[in-house]
Amino acid sequence: MSRALPVSLAILACMETASMAEPIALPKPALKGKVSIEAAIAARRSVRSFRKKELSRAQLGQLLWAAQGVTARREGLGLRAAPSAGALYPLEVYAATKAGLFRYLPEPHALEPLASQDPRAALSEAALGQEAVRRAPAALVVCAVYSRMTGKYRDRGPRYAQLEAGHAAQNVLLQAAALGLGGVSVGAMDDAAVQKALALPKDHEPLYIIPVGYPD
């Protein structure tokens, strides 16, 4: 009798097919909401327990836009929601959901399907068994590609990329609060295990996992 593949191997097995799929367009992000920035700051708390209710595509898109979405254009360059040293944008953001694994594409504001198998169980194990990662309807994974920064900033490049990850994570958590959702910034993880669980490129250094959903 054949044994089921581990989640990470199953993701690898379907990545070639999934990566050939067309990007999934996200609804246009809202630029006005019912909650002020001050109210969102006051409401933000770390949430680790979530209801069994999926996020809509619009909600997921809004969270990803808050992390790395294009908010303006200057000299042909798409400027993003989180400040970036030299506008070099070293971050890559992934979304792990029941429907599979996706990479956020800021310029078209779309999802690139990478795998159709739910990676949250393997991601939770890589995050030292944290159940919030497994049970949240969406877990955003913020990674840095340091080489995008070190060419200009040398040894300080990784620091600038890490600072940018913090900016992006706070944007996500404030956006979640504004949407009536909750989340938590997870930094405790085995970096190599996260890369393996999601079949990430070797130069994608995981910095944050942000489970998001409806607070329980």
N, C-alpha and C. Protein backbone atom coordinates (compact mmCIF):
# COMPACT_ATOMS: atom_id res chain seq x y z
N MET A 1 0.85 -1.18 0.00
CA MET A 1 0.00 0.00 0.00
C MET A 1 0.89 1.24 0.00
N SER A 2 0.62 2.20 -0.89
CA SER A 2 1.46 3.39 -0.97
C SER A 2 1.18 4.33 0.18
N ARG A 3 2.22 4.98 0.64
CA ARG A 3 2.08 5.94 1.73
C ARG A 3 1.92 7.34 1.16
N ALA A 4 1.15 8.19 1.89
CA ALA A 4 0.95 9.56 1.45
C ALA A 4 2.26 10.33 1.56
N LEU A 5 2.47 11.22 0.62
CA LEU A 5 3.66 12.06 0.66
C LEU A 5 3.57 13.04 1.81
N PRO A 6 4.69 13.36 2.47
CA PRO A 6 4.68 14.47 3.42
C PRO A 6 4.21 15.73 2.73
N VAL A 7 3.63 16.66 3.51
CA VAL A 7 3.05 17.86 2.92
C VAL A 7 4.07 18.61 2.07
N SER A 8 5.30 18.78 2.58
CA SER A 8 6.30 19.55 1.83
C SER A 8 6.63 18.89 0.50
N LEU A 9 6.70 17.55 0.48
CA LEU A 9 6.99 16.86 -0.77
C LEU A 9 5.80 16.93 -1.72
N ALA A 10 4.58 16.90 -1.17
CA ALA A 10 3.40 17.02 -2.01
C ALA A 10 3.35 18.40 -2.66
N ILE A 11 3.75 19.43 -1.91
CA ILE A 11 3.79 20.77 -2.48
C ILE A 11 4.80 20.83 -3.61
N LEU A 12 5.98 20.26 -3.38
CA LEU A 12 6.99 20.23 -4.44
C LEU A 12 6.47 19.52 -5.68
N ALA A 13 5.74 18.43 -5.46
CA ALA A 13 5.26 17.62 -6.58
C ALA A 13 4.28 18.36 -7.46
N CYS A 14 3.53 19.31 -6.87
CA CYS A 14 2.53 20.01 -7.68
C CYS A 14 2.94 21.43 -8.04
N MET A 15 4.14 21.87 -7.64
CA MET A 15 4.53 23.25 -7.90
C MET A 15 4.71 23.54 -9.38
N GLU A 16 5.25 22.58 -10.12
CA GLU A 16 5.48 22.83 -11.56
C GLU A 16 4.17 23.08 -12.27
N THR A 17 3.15 22.28 -11.95
CA THR A 17 1.85 22.48 -12.57
C THR A 17 1.20 23.76 -12.09
N ALA A 18 1.26 23.99 -10.76
CA ALA A 18 0.60 25.17 -10.20
C ALA A 18 1.22 26.46 -10.70
N SER A 19 2.56 26.47 -10.85
CA SER A 19 3.22 27.70 -11.27
C SER A 19 2.88 28.07 -12.71
N MET A 20 2.34 27.13 -13.48
CA MET A 20 1.94 27.41 -14.84
C MET A 20 0.53 27.99 -14.90
N ALA A 21 -0.17 28.00 -13.76
CA ALA A 21 -1.53 28.53 -13.72
C ALA A 21 -1.51 30.04 -13.86
N GLU A 22 -2.59 30.58 -14.38
CA GLU A 22 -2.72 32.03 -14.52
C GLU A 22 -2.83 32.67 -13.14
N PRO A 23 -2.25 33.86 -12.95
CA PRO A 23 -2.44 34.58 -11.69
C PRO A 23 -3.92 34.82 -11.41
N ILE A 24 -4.26 34.84 -10.16
CA ILE A 24 -5.64 35.06 -9.74
C ILE A 24 -5.78 36.52 -9.34
N ALA A 25 -6.56 37.27 -10.11
CA ALA A 25 -6.74 38.69 -9.82
C ALA A 25 -7.47 38.87 -8.50
N LEU A 26 -7.03 39.85 -7.73
CA LEU A 26 -7.68 40.20 -6.47
C LEU A 26 -8.55 41.43 -6.66
N PRO A 27 -9.62 41.54 -5.87
CA PRO A 27 -10.44 42.76 -5.97
C PRO A 27 -9.61 44.00 -5.68
N LYS A 28 -9.96 45.08 -6.31
CA LYS A 28 -9.24 46.34 -6.11
C LYS A 28 -9.26 46.71 -4.63
N PRO A 29 -8.10 47.05 -4.06
CA PRO A 29 -8.08 47.37 -2.63
C PRO A 29 -8.86 48.63 -2.31
N ALA A 30 -9.53 48.62 -1.18
CA ALA A 30 -10.27 49.80 -0.73
C ALA A 30 -9.29 50.83 -0.18
N LEU A 31 -9.52 52.08 -0.49
CA LEU A 31 -8.68 53.16 0.01
C LEU A 31 -9.36 53.95 1.12
N LYS A 32 -10.60 53.57 1.44
CA LYS A 32 -11.33 54.17 2.55
C LYS A 32 -12.02 53.08 3.33
N GLY A 33 -11.99 53.22 4.66
CA GLY A 33 -12.66 52.24 5.50
C GLY A 33 -13.49 52.93 6.55
N LYS A 34 -14.15 52.14 7.38
CA LYS A 34 -15.02 52.68 8.42
C LYS A 34 -14.28 52.91 9.73
N VAL A 35 -13.03 52.46 9.80
CA VAL A 35 -12.25 52.55 11.04
C VAL A 35 -11.07 53.48 10.82
N SER A 36 -10.88 54.44 11.71
CA SER A 36 -9.76 55.36 11.60
C SER A 36 -8.45 54.66 11.95
N ILE A 37 -7.33 55.23 11.53
CA ILE A 37 -6.04 54.65 11.87
C ILE A 37 -5.85 54.64 13.39
N GLU A 38 -6.36 55.69 14.06
CA GLU A 38 -6.24 55.74 15.51
C GLU A 38 -7.02 54.61 16.17
N ALA A 39 -8.23 54.34 15.66
CA ALA A 39 -9.04 53.26 16.21
C ALA A 39 -8.41 51.90 15.93
N ALA A 40 -7.80 51.75 14.76
CA ALA A 40 -7.14 50.48 14.43
C ALA A 40 -5.95 50.24 15.35
N ILE A 41 -5.18 51.30 15.63
CA ILE A 41 -4.05 51.16 16.56
C ILE A 41 -4.54 50.76 17.94
N ALA A 42 -5.62 51.39 18.39
CA ALA A 42 -6.15 51.08 19.71
C ALA A 42 -6.72 49.66 19.79
N ALA A 43 -7.28 49.19 18.67
CA ALA A 43 -7.93 47.88 18.67
C ALA A 43 -6.95 46.72 18.47
N ARG A 44 -5.76 46.99 17.93
CA ARG A 44 -4.85 45.91 17.61
C ARG A 44 -4.36 45.18 18.85
N ARG A 45 -4.57 43.88 18.87
CA ARG A 45 -4.07 43.00 19.91
C ARG A 45 -3.62 41.70 19.25
N SER A 46 -2.71 40.99 19.88
CA SER A 46 -2.28 39.70 19.35
C SER A 46 -3.39 38.68 19.54
N VAL A 47 -3.82 38.08 18.44
CA VAL A 47 -4.91 37.10 18.45
C VAL A 47 -4.35 35.76 17.98
N ARG A 48 -4.56 34.73 18.80
CA ARG A 48 -4.03 33.40 18.47
C ARG A 48 -5.11 32.34 18.33
N SER A 49 -6.34 32.73 18.57
CA SER A 49 -7.46 31.78 18.47
C SER A 49 -8.46 32.34 17.47
N PHE A 50 -8.85 31.50 16.50
CA PHE A 50 -9.66 31.98 15.38
C PHE A 50 -10.91 31.13 15.19
N ARG A 51 -11.96 31.78 14.71
CA ARG A 51 -13.19 31.07 14.35
C ARG A 51 -12.97 30.31 13.04
N LYS A 52 -13.80 29.29 12.82
CA LYS A 52 -13.72 28.51 11.59
C LYS A 52 -14.52 29.21 10.49
N LYS A 53 -14.01 30.34 10.07
CA LYS A 53 -14.66 31.12 9.02
C LYS A 53 -13.58 31.60 8.07
N GLU A 54 -13.74 31.28 6.79
CA GLU A 54 -12.73 31.63 5.81
C GLU A 54 -12.75 33.13 5.50
N LEU A 55 -11.64 33.65 5.09
CA LEU A 55 -11.57 35.02 4.62
C LEU A 55 -12.06 35.10 3.18
N SER A 56 -12.66 36.22 2.84
CA SER A 56 -13.04 36.43 1.44
C SER A 56 -11.79 36.79 0.63
N ARG A 57 -11.90 36.69 -0.68
CA ARG A 57 -10.77 37.06 -1.53
C ARG A 57 -10.46 38.54 -1.35
N ALA A 58 -11.50 39.36 -1.17
CA ALA A 58 -11.27 40.79 -0.97
C ALA A 58 -10.52 41.05 0.33
N GLN A 59 -10.87 40.33 1.40
CA GLN A 59 -10.17 40.52 2.67
C GLN A 59 -8.70 40.11 2.56
N LEU A 60 -8.47 38.96 1.95
CA LEU A 60 -7.09 38.50 1.79
C LEU A 60 -6.30 39.49 0.93
N GLY A 61 -6.92 39.96 -0.14
CA GLY A 61 -6.25 40.93 -1.00
C GLY A 61 -5.94 42.22 -0.26
N GLN A 62 -6.84 42.66 0.59
CA GLN A 62 -6.62 43.90 1.33
C GLN A 62 -5.44 43.75 2.30
N LEU A 63 -5.34 42.60 2.94
CA LEU A 63 -4.23 42.34 3.86
C LEU A 63 -2.89 42.31 3.11
N LEU A 64 -2.88 41.66 1.95
CA LEU A 64 -1.65 41.58 1.17
C LEU A 64 -1.27 42.94 0.60
N TRP A 65 -2.25 43.71 0.20
CA TRP A 65 -2.00 45.07 -0.28
C TRP A 65 -1.40 45.92 0.83
N ALA A 66 -1.90 45.77 2.05
CA ALA A 66 -1.35 46.53 3.18
C ALA A 66 0.11 46.17 3.42
N ALA A 67 0.47 44.93 3.13
CA ALA A 67 1.86 44.49 3.34
C ALA A 67 2.79 45.02 2.27
N GLN A 68 2.41 44.85 0.99
CA GLN A 68 3.34 45.16 -0.10
C GLN A 68 2.65 45.70 -1.35
N GLY A 69 1.41 46.14 -1.21
CA GLY A 69 0.70 46.61 -2.39
C GLY A 69 1.25 47.91 -2.95
N VAL A 70 1.04 48.11 -4.24
CA VAL A 70 1.45 49.35 -4.90
C VAL A 70 0.44 50.44 -4.56
N THR A 71 0.95 51.56 -4.03
CA THR A 71 0.08 52.66 -3.60
C THR A 71 0.27 53.93 -4.42
N ALA A 72 1.34 54.01 -5.19
CA ALA A 72 1.60 55.18 -6.03
C ALA A 72 2.66 54.81 -7.07
N ARG A 73 2.82 55.67 -8.06
CA ARG A 73 3.84 55.46 -9.07
C ARG A 73 4.70 56.71 -9.20
N ARG A 74 6.01 56.50 -9.36
CA ARG A 74 6.93 57.61 -9.55
C ARG A 74 8.01 57.19 -10.53
N GLU A 75 8.08 57.90 -11.63
CA GLU A 75 9.08 57.59 -12.66
C GLU A 75 9.00 56.13 -13.08
N GLY A 76 7.78 55.64 -13.21
CA GLY A 76 7.56 54.28 -13.66
C GLY A 76 7.71 53.21 -12.60
N LEU A 77 8.09 53.61 -11.38
CA LEU A 77 8.29 52.64 -10.30
C LEU A 77 7.05 52.57 -9.42
N GLY A 78 6.58 51.38 -9.16
CA GLY A 78 5.45 51.20 -8.26
C GLY A 78 5.90 51.30 -6.81
N LEU A 79 5.48 52.34 -6.13
CA LEU A 79 5.83 52.53 -4.72
C LEU A 79 4.84 51.76 -3.86
N ARG A 80 5.33 51.14 -2.81
CA ARG A 80 4.52 50.19 -2.05
C ARG A 80 4.08 50.72 -0.69
N ALA A 81 3.20 49.96 -0.07
CA ALA A 81 2.56 50.38 1.18
C ALA A 81 3.54 50.48 2.34
N ALA A 82 4.59 49.68 2.35
CA ALA A 82 5.59 49.72 3.42
C ALA A 82 6.85 50.40 2.91
N PRO A 83 7.47 51.29 3.70
CA PRO A 83 8.69 51.95 3.26
C PRO A 83 9.83 50.97 3.06
N SER A 84 10.64 51.24 2.03
CA SER A 84 11.73 50.34 1.68
C SER A 84 12.98 51.17 1.40
N ALA A 85 14.10 50.81 2.00
CA ALA A 85 15.35 51.53 1.77
C ALA A 85 15.71 51.50 0.29
N GLY A 86 15.87 52.68 -0.29
CA GLY A 86 16.23 52.77 -1.70
C GLY A 86 15.15 52.29 -2.64
N ALA A 87 13.93 52.06 -2.13
CA ALA A 87 12.83 51.51 -2.94
C ALA A 87 13.29 50.24 -3.68
N LEU A 88 14.04 49.39 -2.97
CA LEU A 88 14.56 48.16 -3.57
C LEU A 88 13.66 46.96 -3.34
N TYR A 89 12.77 47.03 -2.37
CA TYR A 89 11.72 46.04 -2.14
C TYR A 89 12.23 44.60 -2.10
N PRO A 90 12.88 44.23 -1.01
CA PRO A 90 13.43 42.88 -0.88
C PRO A 90 12.42 41.83 -0.42
N LEU A 91 11.20 42.25 -0.08
CA LEU A 91 10.27 41.30 0.53
C LEU A 91 9.46 40.52 -0.50
N GLU A 92 9.19 39.28 -0.16
CA GLU A 92 8.23 38.43 -0.87
C GLU A 92 7.22 37.93 0.15
N VAL A 93 5.95 38.01 -0.19
CA VAL A 93 4.90 37.63 0.75
C VAL A 93 4.09 36.47 0.17
N TYR A 94 3.94 35.44 0.98
CA TYR A 94 3.19 34.25 0.60
C TYR A 94 1.94 34.13 1.47
N ALA A 95 0.91 33.50 0.93
CA ALA A 95 -0.31 33.25 1.70
C ALA A 95 -0.57 31.75 1.71
N ALA A 96 -0.62 31.19 2.92
CA ALA A 96 -0.94 29.77 3.10
C ALA A 96 -2.38 29.67 3.56
N THR A 97 -3.20 28.97 2.78
CA THR A 97 -4.62 28.86 3.07
C THR A 97 -5.10 27.44 2.83
N LYS A 98 -6.37 27.23 3.12
CA LYS A 98 -6.99 25.93 2.85
C LYS A 98 -6.89 25.57 1.37
N ALA A 99 -6.92 26.58 0.51
CA ALA A 99 -6.89 26.34 -0.94
C ALA A 99 -5.50 26.09 -1.47
N GLY A 100 -4.46 26.30 -0.65
CA GLY A 100 -3.10 26.05 -1.11
C GLY A 100 -2.15 27.18 -0.75
N LEU A 101 -1.06 27.24 -1.48
CA LEU A 101 -0.02 28.23 -1.25
C LEU A 101 0.03 29.19 -2.43
N PHE A 102 0.13 30.49 -2.12
CA PHE A 102 0.12 31.53 -3.15
C PHE A 102 1.22 32.55 -2.85
N ARG A 103 1.77 33.13 -3.90
CA ARG A 103 2.70 34.25 -3.76
C ARG A 103 1.98 35.52 -4.20
N TYR A 104 2.15 36.58 -3.41
CA TYR A 104 1.51 37.84 -3.75
C TYR A 104 2.32 38.57 -4.81
N LEU A 105 1.62 39.02 -5.85
CA LEU A 105 2.22 39.79 -6.93
C LEU A 105 1.75 41.24 -6.79
N PRO A 106 2.61 42.14 -6.29
CA PRO A 106 2.17 43.51 -6.00
C PRO A 106 1.72 44.30 -7.23
N GLU A 107 2.46 44.21 -8.33
CA GLU A 107 2.15 45.05 -9.49
C GLU A 107 0.76 44.79 -10.08
N PRO A 108 0.40 43.53 -10.35
CA PRO A 108 -0.97 43.31 -10.84
C PRO A 108 -2.00 43.15 -9.72
N HIS A 109 -1.52 43.18 -8.44
CA HIS A 109 -2.37 42.91 -7.28
C HIS A 109 -3.12 41.58 -7.51
N ALA A 110 -2.33 40.52 -7.50
CA ALA A 110 -2.86 39.19 -7.82
C ALA A 110 -2.13 38.13 -7.02
N LEU A 111 -2.68 36.93 -7.05
CA LEU A 111 -2.07 35.77 -6.40
C LEU A 111 -1.49 34.86 -7.46
N GLU A 112 -0.27 34.43 -7.25
CA GLU A 112 0.34 33.41 -8.10
C GLU A 112 0.17 32.06 -7.42
N PRO A 113 -0.63 31.15 -7.98
CA PRO A 113 -0.80 29.83 -7.34
C PRO A 113 0.50 29.03 -7.41
N LEU A 114 0.92 28.52 -6.27
CA LEU A 114 2.13 27.71 -6.22
C LEU A 114 1.85 26.26 -5.89
N ALA A 115 0.83 25.99 -5.11
CA ALA A 115 0.49 24.62 -4.74
C ALA A 115 -0.98 24.57 -4.35
N SER A 116 -1.63 23.47 -4.67
CA SER A 116 -3.06 23.34 -4.37
C SER A 116 -3.30 22.60 -3.06
N GLN A 117 -2.24 22.14 -2.41
CA GLN A 117 -2.39 21.44 -1.14
C GLN A 117 -2.20 22.42 0.02
N ASP A 118 -3.03 22.29 1.04
CA ASP A 118 -2.99 23.15 2.21
C ASP A 118 -1.65 22.96 2.94
N PRO A 119 -0.81 24.00 3.06
CA PRO A 119 0.50 23.85 3.70
C PRO A 119 0.52 24.24 5.17
N ARG A 120 -0.64 24.57 5.75
CA ARG A 120 -0.63 25.14 7.10
C ARG A 120 -0.16 24.17 8.17
N ALA A 121 -0.44 22.88 8.03
CA ALA A 121 0.02 21.92 9.03
C ALA A 121 1.54 21.85 9.06
N ALA A 122 2.15 21.76 7.89
CA ALA A 122 3.61 21.71 7.82
C ALA A 122 4.22 23.03 8.27
N LEU A 123 3.55 24.14 7.94
CA LEU A 123 4.04 25.45 8.36
C LEU A 123 3.96 25.59 9.87
N SER A 124 2.89 25.06 10.47
CA SER A 124 2.75 25.09 11.93
C SER A 124 3.86 24.30 12.61
N GLU A 125 4.18 23.15 12.06
CA GLU A 125 5.29 22.36 12.62
C GLU A 125 6.61 23.13 12.52
N ALA A 126 6.81 23.80 11.40
CA ALA A 126 8.03 24.59 11.23
C ALA A 126 8.07 25.78 12.18
N ALA A 127 6.89 26.22 12.62
CA ALA A 127 6.79 27.32 13.59
C ALA A 127 6.73 26.77 15.01
N LEU A 128 7.42 25.67 15.23
CA LEU A 128 7.56 25.06 16.56
C LEU A 128 6.22 24.62 17.14
N GLY A 129 5.31 24.21 16.24
CA GLY A 129 4.04 23.64 16.68
C GLY A 129 2.99 24.65 17.08
N GLN A 130 3.12 25.89 16.70
CA GLN A 130 2.15 26.91 17.11
C GLN A 130 0.82 26.68 16.39
N GLU A 131 -0.22 26.46 17.18
CA GLU A 131 -1.53 26.11 16.63
C GLU A 131 -2.17 27.26 15.88
N ALA A 132 -1.84 28.49 16.23
CA ALA A 132 -2.43 29.63 15.52
C ALA A 132 -2.13 29.56 14.03
N VAL A 133 -0.94 29.09 13.69
CA VAL A 133 -0.54 28.99 12.28
C VAL A 133 -1.38 27.93 11.57
N ARG A 134 -1.67 26.86 12.27
CA ARG A 134 -2.44 25.76 11.67
C ARG A 134 -3.92 26.12 11.51
N ARG A 135 -4.46 26.86 12.49
CA ARG A 135 -5.91 27.05 12.55
C ARG A 135 -6.41 28.35 11.92
N ALA A 136 -5.55 29.31 11.72
CA ALA A 136 -5.98 30.56 11.09
C ALA A 136 -6.39 30.29 9.64
N PRO A 137 -7.41 30.95 9.14
CA PRO A 137 -7.80 30.73 7.74
C PRO A 137 -6.72 31.16 6.75
N ALA A 138 -5.86 32.08 7.16
CA ALA A 138 -4.74 32.48 6.31
C ALA A 138 -3.52 32.75 7.17
N ALA A 139 -2.38 32.28 6.71
CA ALA A 139 -1.11 32.59 7.37
C ALA A 139 -0.22 33.25 6.32
N LEU A 140 0.09 34.51 6.53
CA LEU A 140 0.98 35.22 5.61
C LEU A 140 2.43 34.99 6.04
N VAL A 141 3.26 34.70 5.09
CA VAL A 141 4.68 34.45 5.36
C VAL A 141 5.49 35.53 4.66
N VAL A 142 6.20 36.32 5.44
CA VAL A 142 7.00 37.42 4.92
C VAL A 142 8.45 36.97 4.84
N CYS A 143 9.02 37.00 3.64
CA CYS A 143 10.40 36.58 3.42
C CYS A 143 11.20 37.74 2.86
N ALA A 144 12.51 37.68 3.05
CA ALA A 144 13.40 38.69 2.50
C ALA A 144 14.41 38.05 1.56
N VAL A 145 14.68 38.73 0.48
CA VAL A 145 15.75 38.35 -0.45
C VAL A 145 16.86 39.38 -0.24
N TYR A 146 17.83 39.04 0.59
CA TYR A 146 18.83 40.01 1.03
C TYR A 146 19.68 40.56 -0.12
N SER A 147 19.86 39.76 -1.16
CA SER A 147 20.72 40.21 -2.26
C SER A 147 20.16 41.45 -2.95
N ARG A 148 18.87 41.69 -2.83
CA ARG A 148 18.29 42.89 -3.42
C ARG A 148 18.76 44.16 -2.68
N MET A 149 19.21 43.98 -1.46
CA MET A 149 19.64 45.12 -0.65
C MET A 149 21.16 45.24 -0.55
N THR A 150 21.85 44.12 -0.52
CA THR A 150 23.29 44.16 -0.23
C THR A 150 24.11 44.76 -1.37
N GLY A 151 23.58 44.70 -2.59
CA GLY A 151 24.32 45.31 -3.69
C GLY A 151 24.54 46.79 -3.47
N LYS A 152 23.56 47.45 -2.85
CA LYS A 152 23.68 48.89 -2.59
C LYS A 152 24.15 49.18 -1.17
N TYR A 153 23.63 48.42 -0.21
CA TYR A 153 23.86 48.76 1.19
C TYR A 153 24.85 47.84 1.91
N ARG A 154 25.40 46.87 1.18
CA ARG A 154 26.43 45.99 1.74
C ARG A 154 25.95 45.32 3.03
N ASP A 155 26.76 45.42 4.08
CA ASP A 155 26.47 44.70 5.31
C ASP A 155 25.20 45.16 6.00
N ARG A 156 24.76 46.37 5.72
CA ARG A 156 23.55 46.86 6.36
C ARG A 156 22.29 46.43 5.62
N GLY A 157 22.45 45.84 4.44
CA GLY A 157 21.30 45.42 3.66
C GLY A 157 20.34 44.52 4.41
N PRO A 158 20.82 43.44 5.06
CA PRO A 158 19.90 42.58 5.80
C PRO A 158 19.13 43.33 6.89
N ARG A 159 19.80 44.28 7.56
CA ARG A 159 19.10 45.04 8.60
C ARG A 159 17.95 45.84 7.99
N TYR A 160 18.19 46.47 6.86
CA TYR A 160 17.14 47.26 6.24
C TYR A 160 15.96 46.38 5.79
N ALA A 161 16.29 45.19 5.30
CA ALA A 161 15.23 44.26 4.89
C ALA A 161 14.41 43.82 6.10
N GLN A 162 15.06 43.57 7.22
CA GLN A 162 14.35 43.16 8.43
C GLN A 162 13.48 44.29 8.97
N LEU A 163 13.98 45.52 8.90
CA LEU A 163 13.16 46.66 9.31
C LEU A 163 11.92 46.76 8.42
N GLU A 164 12.10 46.55 7.14
CA GLU A 164 10.97 46.61 6.22
C GLU A 164 9.94 45.54 6.52
N ALA A 165 10.41 44.36 6.89
CA ALA A 165 9.48 43.29 7.27
C ALA A 165 8.63 43.72 8.47
N GLY A 166 9.24 44.43 9.41
CA GLY A 166 8.48 44.94 10.55
C GLY A 166 7.43 45.95 10.14
N HIS A 167 7.80 46.84 9.20
CA HIS A 167 6.82 47.81 8.69
C HIS A 167 5.63 47.08 8.05
N ALA A 168 5.94 46.10 7.22
CA ALA A 168 4.89 45.36 6.51
C ALA A 168 3.99 44.60 7.48
N ALA A 169 4.60 43.97 8.48
CA ALA A 169 3.82 43.20 9.45
C ALA A 169 2.86 44.11 10.22
N GLN A 170 3.34 45.28 10.64
CA GLN A 170 2.45 46.20 11.37
C GLN A 170 1.31 46.67 10.48
N ASN A 171 1.61 46.93 9.21
CA ASN A 171 0.54 47.29 8.28
C ASN A 171 -0.53 46.21 8.23
N VAL A 172 -0.09 44.96 8.14
CA VAL A 172 -1.05 43.84 8.07
C VAL A 172 -1.91 43.79 9.32
N LEU A 173 -1.30 43.93 10.48
CA LEU A 173 -2.04 43.81 11.73
C LEU A 173 -3.02 44.98 11.92
N LEU A 174 -2.63 46.17 11.50
CA LEU A 174 -3.54 47.30 11.59
C LEU A 174 -4.68 47.16 10.57
N GLN A 175 -4.35 46.66 9.39
CA GLN A 175 -5.40 46.42 8.40
C GLN A 175 -6.37 45.36 8.90
N ALA A 176 -5.83 44.32 9.53
CA ALA A 176 -6.69 43.28 10.10
C ALA A 176 -7.65 43.88 11.12
N ALA A 177 -7.13 44.73 12.01
CA ALA A 177 -7.97 45.36 13.02
C ALA A 177 -9.06 46.20 12.37
N ALA A 178 -8.72 46.91 11.31
CA ALA A 178 -9.68 47.76 10.61
C ALA A 178 -10.78 46.94 9.94
N LEU A 179 -10.46 45.68 9.60
CA LEU A 179 -11.44 44.79 8.94
C LEU A 179 -12.23 43.96 9.94
N GLY A 180 -11.98 44.16 11.23
CA GLY A 180 -12.65 43.35 12.23
C GLY A 180 -12.03 41.98 12.38
N LEU A 181 -10.80 41.83 11.94
CA LEU A 181 -10.07 40.57 12.03
C LEU A 181 -9.00 40.70 13.11
N GLY A 182 -8.27 39.63 13.34
CA GLY A 182 -7.17 39.64 14.28
C GLY A 182 -6.02 38.83 13.75
N GLY A 183 -4.84 39.07 14.27
CA GLY A 183 -3.66 38.32 13.85
C GLY A 183 -2.57 38.42 14.88
N VAL A 184 -1.48 37.75 14.62
CA VAL A 184 -0.34 37.78 15.52
C VAL A 184 0.94 37.62 14.71
N SER A 185 1.96 38.33 15.13
CA SER A 185 3.27 38.21 14.48
C SER A 185 4.04 37.06 15.10
N VAL A 186 4.40 36.09 14.29
CA VAL A 186 5.13 34.91 14.76
C VAL A 186 6.56 35.00 14.24
N GLY A 187 7.51 35.01 15.16
CA GLY A 187 8.91 35.01 14.79
C GLY A 187 9.63 33.74 15.18
N ALA A 188 8.99 32.93 16.05
CA ALA A 188 9.59 31.68 16.50
C ALA A 188 9.36 30.61 15.45
N MET A 189 10.43 30.25 14.74
CA MET A 189 10.31 29.26 13.67
C MET A 189 11.68 28.69 13.37
N ASP A 190 11.67 27.54 12.74
CA ASP A 190 12.89 26.95 12.19
C ASP A 190 12.95 27.40 10.74
N ASP A 191 13.85 28.33 10.44
CA ASP A 191 13.87 28.95 9.12
C ASP A 191 13.98 27.92 7.99
N ALA A 192 14.88 26.97 8.17
CA ALA A 192 15.08 25.95 7.13
C ALA A 192 13.83 25.09 6.97
N ALA A 193 13.15 24.82 8.08
CA ALA A 193 11.93 24.01 8.02
C ALA A 193 10.81 24.76 7.31
N VAL A 194 10.73 26.07 7.50
CA VAL A 194 9.73 26.86 6.78
C VAL A 194 10.03 26.83 5.29
N GLN A 195 11.28 27.02 4.93
CA GLN A 195 11.65 26.96 3.51
C GLN A 195 11.28 25.61 2.90
N LYS A 196 11.53 24.54 3.66
CA LYS A 196 11.22 23.19 3.16
C LYS A 196 9.72 22.97 3.08
N ALA A 197 8.99 23.39 4.10
CA ALA A 197 7.54 23.17 4.14
C ALA A 197 6.84 23.84 2.97
N LEU A 198 7.34 25.02 2.57
CA LEU A 198 6.70 25.77 1.49
C LEU A 198 7.44 25.67 0.16
N ALA A 199 8.53 24.88 0.15
CA ALA A 199 9.36 24.74 -1.05
C ALA A 199 9.79 26.10 -1.58
N LEU A 200 10.29 26.95 -0.67
CA LEU A 200 10.71 28.30 -1.04
C LEU A 200 12.07 28.27 -1.72
N PRO A 201 12.33 29.26 -2.56
CA PRO A 201 13.69 29.41 -3.10
C PRO A 201 14.69 29.59 -1.97
N LYS A 202 15.91 29.15 -2.18
CA LYS A 202 16.93 29.17 -1.14
C LYS A 202 17.22 30.58 -0.64
N ASP A 203 17.05 31.58 -1.51
CA ASP A 203 17.38 32.94 -1.09
C ASP A 203 16.21 33.67 -0.44
N HIS A 204 15.09 32.99 -0.23
CA HIS A 204 13.94 33.59 0.43
C HIS A 204 14.03 33.28 1.92
N GLU A 205 14.50 34.24 2.69
CA GLU A 205 14.71 34.06 4.13
C GLU A 205 13.42 34.39 4.88
N PRO A 206 12.76 33.41 5.52
CA PRO A 206 11.52 33.70 6.24
C PRO A 206 11.78 34.52 7.50
N LEU A 207 11.04 35.60 7.67
CA LEU A 207 11.21 36.49 8.82
C LEU A 207 9.98 36.52 9.73
N TYR A 208 8.81 36.44 9.14
CA TYR A 208 7.56 36.52 9.89
C TYR A 208 6.57 35.50 9.35
N ILE A 209 5.76 34.97 10.25
CA ILE A 209 4.52 34.30 9.88
C ILE A 209 3.41 35.05 10.58
N ILE A 210 2.39 35.45 9.85
CA ILE A 210 1.29 36.24 10.43
C ILE A 210 -0.03 35.51 10.21
N PRO A 211 -0.48 34.70 11.18
CA PRO A 211 -1.81 34.09 11.07
C PRO A 211 -2.87 35.18 11.23
N VAL A 212 -3.90 35.14 10.39
CA VAL A 212 -4.96 36.14 10.42
C VAL A 212 -6.32 35.46 10.26
N GLY A 213 -7.30 35.96 10.99
CA GLY A 213 -8.65 35.43 10.85
C GLY A 213 -9.61 36.17 11.76
N TYR A 214 -10.82 35.61 11.87
CA TYR A 214 -11.82 36.17 12.77
C TYR A 214 -11.52 35.74 14.19
N PRO A 215 -11.35 36.67 15.13
CA PRO A 215 -11.05 36.28 16.52
C PRO A 215 -12.13 35.39 17.09
N ASP A 216 -11.72 34.39 17.83
CA ASP A 216 -12.64 33.45 18.47
C ASP A 216 -13.08 34.04 19.81
